[in-house]
Amino acid sequence: MLIEAYVDSLESAVAAEAAGADRLELCGPGEGGLTPSDDLLRAVLAVSKVPVHAMIRPREGDFVYSAEEIELMRKQIETAKRAGAAGVVLGVLREDSTIDAERMWEFIGRARAMRLAFHRAFDQTPDADAAFETLRALGVDIVLTSGHAATALEGAETIARHVARAGDRLSVLAGGKVRAGNVRQLAERTAVREVHARASDVAEFRALVKTLRPR
């Protein structure tokens, strides 16, 4: 089981890696996570021994972006690539909340050879299966999802359906209040091989890691 930690500071990144995180999703401060500053990204990359994926999200709120915001995201992807990030995390929707396939195709191309993860904007789409097929066809590497539910455990049935359809290339990353107390049940019900959890509470994150990797 790969364990990804949501971190938003150098201190939380170091603590999460020490606790056993296999990958870091690095965000700047803001509701749901924003693009980290260049200084923060470089500081974390300088000390991290696990892959770091940088959030690309220019503002809080919805995921329907203006032309100016799209241009800013282009620049932020290039910054993450030059800094040496292993991947970027982003998502763009249309006004009707469906995947903006045209923008995503462009961003996938810009991000290569980094990996690209589509974040939980996915869970705002009106049709989970149609959205998943769109992202699979586009060549997205990772889809972070709670299964279109408030928590990953509540969305376990939908997550399991995505896992069964993902194939070898696309990874389903289960996130949404994943904790030490529910992660085993989530894994059993979905067969998911990657989970995403906040590392702001280091003790809880460490407990989650130990639950999945008992000694």
Protein backbone atom coordinates (compact mmCIF):
# COMPACT_ATOMS: atom_id res chain seq x y z
CA MET A 1 0.00 0.00 0.00
CA LEU A 2 1.40 3.38 -1.02
CA ILE A 3 0.70 6.09 1.53
CA GLU A 4 0.59 9.69 0.32
CA ALA A 5 0.72 12.52 2.87
CA TYR A 6 -0.88 15.92 2.39
CA VAL A 7 1.64 18.45 3.74
CA ASP A 8 1.71 22.23 3.68
CA SER A 9 5.01 23.18 5.34
CA LEU A 10 8.62 22.06 5.52
CA GLU A 11 8.04 20.82 9.06
CA SER A 12 5.01 18.71 8.14
CA ALA A 13 6.83 17.30 5.12
CA VAL A 14 9.81 16.20 7.20
CA ALA A 15 7.54 14.73 9.88
CA ALA A 16 5.38 12.84 7.38
CA GLU A 17 8.37 11.30 5.67
CA ALA A 18 9.85 10.28 9.01
CA ALA A 19 6.51 8.70 9.92
CA GLY A 20 6.56 6.54 6.81
CA ALA A 21 4.98 8.49 3.94
CA ASP A 22 5.84 7.09 0.51
CA ARG A 23 4.92 10.27 -1.35
CA LEU A 24 4.15 13.87 -0.45
CA GLU A 25 1.42 16.07 -1.87
CA LEU A 26 2.80 19.54 -1.19
CA CYS A 27 0.36 22.41 -0.93
CA GLY A 28 0.47 26.02 0.11
CA PRO A 29 -1.88 27.28 2.83
CA GLY A 30 -5.52 27.68 1.86
CA GLU A 31 -8.78 25.76 1.99
CA GLY A 32 -8.21 22.47 0.19
CA GLY A 33 -4.60 23.37 -0.59
CA LEU A 34 -3.14 25.88 -3.04
CA THR A 35 0.02 26.03 -5.15
CA PRO A 36 3.02 26.07 -2.79
CA SER A 37 5.44 28.97 -2.97
CA ASP A 38 8.61 28.47 -4.97
CA ASP A 39 10.67 28.72 -1.77
CA LEU A 40 8.58 26.06 0.00
CA LEU A 41 8.72 23.71 -2.97
CA ARG A 42 12.49 23.98 -3.28
CA ALA A 43 13.01 23.60 0.47
CA VAL A 44 10.96 20.39 0.60
CA LEU A 45 12.59 18.97 -2.53
CA ALA A 46 16.01 19.66 -1.02
CA VAL A 47 15.38 17.37 1.96
CA SER A 48 12.82 14.82 0.76
CA LYS A 49 13.89 11.32 -0.23
CA VAL A 50 10.39 10.37 -1.44
CA PRO A 51 8.56 11.72 -4.51
CA VAL A 52 6.98 15.15 -4.10
CA HIS A 53 3.87 16.12 -6.05
CA ALA A 54 3.12 19.85 -6.12
CA MET A 55 -0.43 21.17 -6.01
CA ILE A 56 -1.31 23.47 -8.93
CA ARG A 57 -4.28 25.50 -7.76
CA PRO A 58 -4.14 29.29 -8.05
CA ARG A 59 -7.03 30.11 -5.73
CA GLU A 60 -9.66 28.72 -3.41
CA GLY A 61 -13.19 28.06 -4.62
CA ASP A 62 -14.39 26.26 -7.71
CA PHE A 63 -12.33 24.64 -10.47
CA VAL A 64 -13.61 26.66 -13.41
CA TYR A 65 -10.72 28.95 -14.27
CA SER A 66 -10.39 32.18 -16.24
CA ALA A 67 -7.92 32.60 -19.09
CA GLU A 68 -5.62 34.48 -16.73
CA GLU A 69 -5.75 31.70 -14.15
CA ILE A 70 -5.05 29.07 -16.81
CA GLU A 71 -1.96 31.01 -17.86
CA LEU A 72 -0.82 31.17 -14.25
CA MET A 73 -1.28 27.40 -13.92
CA ARG A 74 0.87 26.88 -17.01
CA LYS A 75 3.65 28.86 -15.36
CA GLN A 76 3.23 26.99 -12.07
CA ILE A 77 3.55 23.63 -13.85
CA GLU A 78 6.77 24.79 -15.50
CA THR A 79 8.08 26.00 -12.14
CA ALA A 80 7.38 22.62 -10.53
CA LYS A 81 9.09 20.83 -13.41
CA ARG A 82 12.19 23.01 -13.25
CA ALA A 83 12.39 22.59 -9.48
CA GLY A 84 12.45 18.80 -9.84
CA ALA A 85 9.00 17.78 -8.57
CA ALA A 86 8.02 14.20 -9.41
CA GLY A 87 4.48 15.23 -10.24
CA VAL A 88 1.76 17.86 -10.15
CA VAL A 89 -1.77 17.71 -8.80
CA LEU A 90 -4.52 19.69 -10.51
CA GLY A 91 -8.02 19.62 -11.91
CA VAL A 92 -10.05 21.76 -14.31
CA LEU A 93 -13.82 21.59 -14.76
CA ARG A 94 -16.29 23.17 -17.16
CA GLU A 95 -19.23 25.28 -16.03
CA ASP A 96 -21.39 22.13 -15.93
CA SER A 97 -18.84 20.44 -13.60
CA THR A 98 -17.70 17.94 -16.23
CA ILE A 99 -13.99 17.43 -16.90
CA ASP A 100 -12.46 20.14 -19.09
CA ALA A 101 -10.76 17.61 -21.36
CA GLU A 102 -9.17 20.23 -23.63
CA ARG A 103 -7.40 21.99 -20.75
CA MET A 104 -6.43 18.72 -19.11
CA TRP A 105 -4.92 17.41 -22.36
CA GLU A 106 -2.80 20.55 -22.57
CA PHE A 107 -1.69 20.32 -18.94
CA ILE A 108 -0.80 16.64 -19.25
CA GLY A 109 1.44 17.49 -22.16
CA ARG A 110 3.06 20.37 -20.28
CA ALA A 111 3.64 18.25 -17.20
CA ARG A 112 5.49 15.38 -18.88
CA ALA A 113 7.74 13.72 -17.79
CA MET A 114 6.26 14.44 -14.36
CA ARG A 115 3.25 12.43 -13.27
CA LEU A 116 -0.11 14.16 -13.19
CA ALA A 117 -2.77 13.56 -10.57
CA PHE A 118 -6.35 14.83 -10.85
CA HIS A 119 -7.45 15.99 -7.41
CA ARG A 120 -10.84 15.83 -5.69
CA ALA A 121 -12.45 18.18 -8.17
CA PHE A 122 -13.20 14.75 -9.63
CA ASP A 123 -15.76 14.21 -6.87
CA GLN A 124 -17.70 17.27 -8.00
CA THR A 125 -18.40 15.84 -11.45
CA PRO A 126 -22.01 14.77 -12.09
CA ASP A 127 -21.19 11.30 -13.43
CA ALA A 128 -18.36 9.47 -11.66
CA ASP A 129 -18.01 6.73 -14.26
CA ALA A 130 -18.03 9.10 -17.24
CA ALA A 131 -15.48 11.36 -15.57
CA PHE A 132 -13.23 8.41 -14.78
CA GLU A 133 -13.33 7.20 -18.37
CA THR A 134 -12.46 10.69 -19.59
CA LEU A 135 -9.41 10.87 -17.35
CA ARG A 136 -8.31 7.37 -18.28
CA ALA A 137 -8.57 8.20 -21.98
CA LEU A 138 -6.60 11.41 -21.48
CA GLY A 139 -3.73 9.56 -19.82
CA VAL A 140 -3.94 10.97 -16.30
CA ASP A 141 -1.67 8.99 -13.97
CA ILE A 142 -3.57 9.27 -10.67
CA VAL A 143 -7.14 10.07 -9.65
CA LEU A 144 -7.68 11.21 -6.06
CA THR A 145 -11.23 10.43 -4.98
CA SER A 146 -13.54 9.80 -2.07
CA GLY A 147 -15.87 7.94 -4.39
CA HIS A 148 -18.18 10.94 -4.83
CA ALA A 149 -19.00 10.77 -1.12
CA ALA A 150 -18.19 12.79 2.00
CA THR A 151 -15.56 10.23 3.03
CA ALA A 152 -13.63 7.53 1.22
CA LEU A 153 -15.22 4.84 3.36
CA GLU A 154 -18.71 6.03 2.45
CA GLY A 155 -17.68 6.03 -1.20
CA ALA A 156 -16.01 2.61 -1.03
CA GLU A 157 -18.34 0.95 -3.54
CA THR A 158 -17.62 3.58 -6.18
CA ILE A 159 -13.88 3.53 -5.45
CA ALA A 160 -13.89 -0.25 -5.85
CA ARG A 161 -15.57 0.13 -9.24
CA HIS A 162 -12.89 2.59 -10.34
CA VAL A 163 -10.10 0.29 -9.12
CA ALA A 164 -11.55 -2.60 -11.13
CA ARG A 165 -11.61 -0.47 -14.29
CA ALA A 166 -8.33 1.39 -13.86
CA GLY A 167 -5.98 -1.06 -15.50
CA ASP A 168 -2.24 -1.06 -14.93
CA ARG A 169 -1.44 2.53 -15.81
CA LEU A 170 -3.99 4.63 -13.92
CA SER A 171 -3.78 4.64 -10.13
CA VAL A 172 -6.81 5.25 -7.93
CA LEU A 173 -5.81 7.19 -4.81
CA ALA A 174 -8.42 6.97 -2.04
CA GLY A 175 -8.71 10.11 0.06
CA GLY A 176 -11.30 11.72 2.29
CA LYS A 177 -10.97 11.36 6.05
CA VAL A 178 -8.74 8.29 5.76
CA ARG A 179 -7.64 7.45 9.30
CA ALA A 180 -5.94 4.67 11.22
CA GLY A 181 -9.33 3.49 12.43
CA ASN A 182 -10.84 2.97 8.97
CA VAL A 183 -7.97 2.43 6.53
CA ARG A 184 -7.96 -1.38 6.77
CA GLN A 185 -11.70 -1.55 6.15
CA LEU A 186 -11.30 0.84 3.24
CA ALA A 187 -8.54 -1.29 1.72
CA GLU A 188 -10.55 -4.49 2.12
CA ARG A 189 -13.70 -3.03 0.58
CA THR A 190 -12.04 -1.33 -2.39
CA ALA A 191 -8.80 -3.24 -3.18
CA VAL A 192 -7.24 0.22 -3.52
CA ARG A 193 -3.43 0.23 -3.48
CA GLU A 194 -2.86 3.92 -2.68
CA VAL A 195 -4.31 6.05 0.12
CA HIS A 196 -4.09 9.78 0.83
CA ALA A 197 -4.16 11.27 4.32
CA ARG A 198 -3.39 14.59 5.98
CA ALA A 199 -0.20 14.65 8.01
CA SER A 200 -1.09 17.70 10.10
CA ASP A 201 -1.69 15.39 13.07
CA VAL A 202 1.60 13.52 13.06
CA ALA A 203 0.55 11.02 15.73
CA GLU A 204 -2.58 10.06 13.79
CA PHE A 205 -0.62 9.79 10.54
CA ARG A 206 1.99 7.60 12.22
CA ALA A 207 -0.81 5.39 13.58
CA LEU A 208 -2.24 5.03 10.07
CA VAL A 209 1.14 3.91 8.74
CA LYS A 210 1.53 1.39 11.58
CA THR A 211 -1.97 0.05 10.92
CA LEU A 212 -1.00 -0.76 7.35
CA ARG A 213 2.52 -1.89 8.21
CA PRO A 214 2.43 -3.66 11.57
CA ARG A 215 5.73 -4.90 12.89
